[in-house]
Protein backbone atom coordinates (compact mmCIF):
# COMPACT_ATOMS: atom_id res chain seq x y z
CA MET A 1 -62.64 15.47 32.74
CA GLN A 2 -63.81 17.99 35.33
CA VAL A 3 -61.89 16.19 38.07
CA LYS A 4 -58.63 16.67 36.17
CA GLU A 5 -59.47 20.32 35.51
CA HIS A 6 -60.27 20.80 39.20
CA ASN A 7 -56.95 19.19 40.19
CA ASN A 8 -55.10 21.44 37.74
CA GLN A 9 -56.78 24.48 39.29
CA GLU A 10 -55.86 23.30 42.78
CA LEU A 11 -52.27 22.70 41.67
CA LYS A 12 -52.08 26.18 40.14
CA GLU A 13 -53.52 27.78 43.31
CA GLU A 14 -51.06 25.89 45.50
CA PHE A 15 -48.19 26.90 43.23
CA VAL A 16 -49.23 30.58 43.24
CA ASN A 17 -49.61 30.58 47.03
CA LEU A 18 -46.26 28.88 47.63
CA ALA A 19 -44.49 31.07 45.06
CA SER A 20 -45.93 34.24 46.66
CA GLN A 21 -44.92 33.08 50.13
CA TRP A 22 -41.44 32.19 48.89
CA ILE A 23 -40.91 35.51 47.08
CA GLN A 24 -42.00 37.48 50.16
CA GLU A 25 -39.80 35.51 52.53
CA VAL A 26 -36.62 35.50 50.43
CA GLU A 27 -36.84 39.14 49.42
CA GLY A 28 -33.44 40.74 49.83
CA MET A 29 -31.49 37.47 49.67
CA SER A 30 -28.73 37.52 47.09
CA SER A 31 -27.91 33.82 46.98
CA THR A 32 -30.13 31.78 44.66
CA VAL A 33 -28.74 28.67 46.39
CA GLU A 34 -30.08 29.88 49.74
CA MET A 35 -33.33 31.01 48.12
CA SER A 36 -33.87 27.55 46.64
CA LYS A 37 -33.43 25.90 50.05
CA HIS A 38 -36.52 27.71 51.40
CA PRO A 39 -39.32 25.31 52.47
CA ALA A 40 -41.91 26.85 50.10
CA TYR A 41 -39.51 26.46 47.15
CA GLN A 42 -38.79 22.87 48.13
CA LYS A 43 -42.53 22.20 48.39
CA ILE A 44 -42.93 23.48 44.82
CA VAL A 45 -40.12 21.17 43.69
CA SER A 46 -41.80 18.26 45.49
CA MET A 47 -44.92 18.82 43.36
CA GLY A 48 -42.91 17.13 40.60
CA GLN A 49 -43.56 17.04 36.89
CA ALA A 50 -47.13 18.31 37.25
CA VAL A 51 -45.77 21.76 38.14
CA ILE A 52 -43.37 22.03 35.15
CA PRO A 53 -45.86 23.93 32.90
CA LEU A 54 -46.47 26.45 35.69
CA LEU A 55 -42.75 26.91 36.29
CA LEU A 56 -42.13 27.44 32.58
CA GLU A 57 -44.95 29.97 32.29
CA ASP A 58 -43.68 31.89 35.31
CA LEU A 59 -40.14 31.70 33.94
CA ARG A 60 -41.21 34.17 31.24
CA GLN A 61 -41.69 36.89 33.89
CA ASN A 62 -39.12 35.73 36.48
CA PRO A 63 -36.28 34.20 34.49
CA ILE A 64 -33.94 33.35 37.34
CA TYR A 65 -36.31 31.99 40.00
CA TRP A 66 -37.20 28.61 38.59
CA LEU A 67 -34.03 27.43 36.87
CA PRO A 68 -32.83 25.33 39.85
CA ALA A 69 -36.33 23.87 40.36
CA LEU A 70 -36.57 22.82 36.73
CA ARG A 71 -33.17 21.15 36.87
CA GLN A 72 -34.08 19.37 40.09
CA ILE A 73 -37.46 18.12 38.86
CA THR A 74 -36.44 17.11 35.34
CA GLN A 75 -32.87 16.00 36.03
CA GLU A 76 -32.04 17.76 32.78
CA ASN A 77 -30.22 20.96 31.85
CA PRO A 78 -30.80 22.31 28.34
CA VAL A 79 -28.58 25.34 29.02
CA GLN A 80 -25.48 25.35 26.83
CA PRO A 81 -22.10 26.22 28.40
CA GLU A 82 -21.97 29.54 26.53
CA GLN A 83 -25.39 30.50 27.97
CA ARG A 84 -24.42 30.03 31.62
CA GLY A 85 -24.69 33.22 33.62
CA LYS A 86 -26.90 34.84 30.96
CA VAL A 87 -30.28 34.65 32.64
CA LYS A 88 -32.44 35.50 29.62
CA GLN A 89 -30.63 32.96 27.43
CA MET A 90 -30.86 30.33 30.17
CA ALA A 91 -34.61 30.95 30.49
CA GLU A 92 -34.99 30.79 26.71
CA ALA A 93 -33.20 27.42 26.66
CA TRP A 94 -35.69 26.09 29.23
CA LEU A 95 -38.67 27.54 27.36
CA ASN A 96 -37.48 25.86 24.16
CA TRP A 97 -37.03 22.63 26.12
CA GLY A 98 -40.61 23.00 27.43
CA LYS A 99 -41.95 23.45 23.90
CA GLN A 100 -40.00 20.43 22.59
CA HIS A 101 -41.33 18.28 25.42
CA GLY A 102 -44.94 19.47 25.08
CA TYR A 103 -45.17 21.30 28.41
CA ILE A 104 -45.93 24.69 26.84
CA VAL A 105 -47.05 25.93 23.45
């Protein structure tokens, strides 16, 4: 059990480091498409399903950042057409999705 806990801690540390690097390096960019092409962002996406709970938790504070990553990793999009462009509603749709799929409480 400790091995899994240790791996989760390592995953969280890697996520936090990559997210911090990404945020610093894309500061001032206006295009979320360009922001999501950044190597640190792509590295987070490449972490796969294991990073979904971390993305969802961070989504609470940074609603727009992780929407493309979640779509890319899960190949799903719980956002309804009427919610598109409404960042808080889009984030809420993903948080509800995360709860329904057991990623967050």
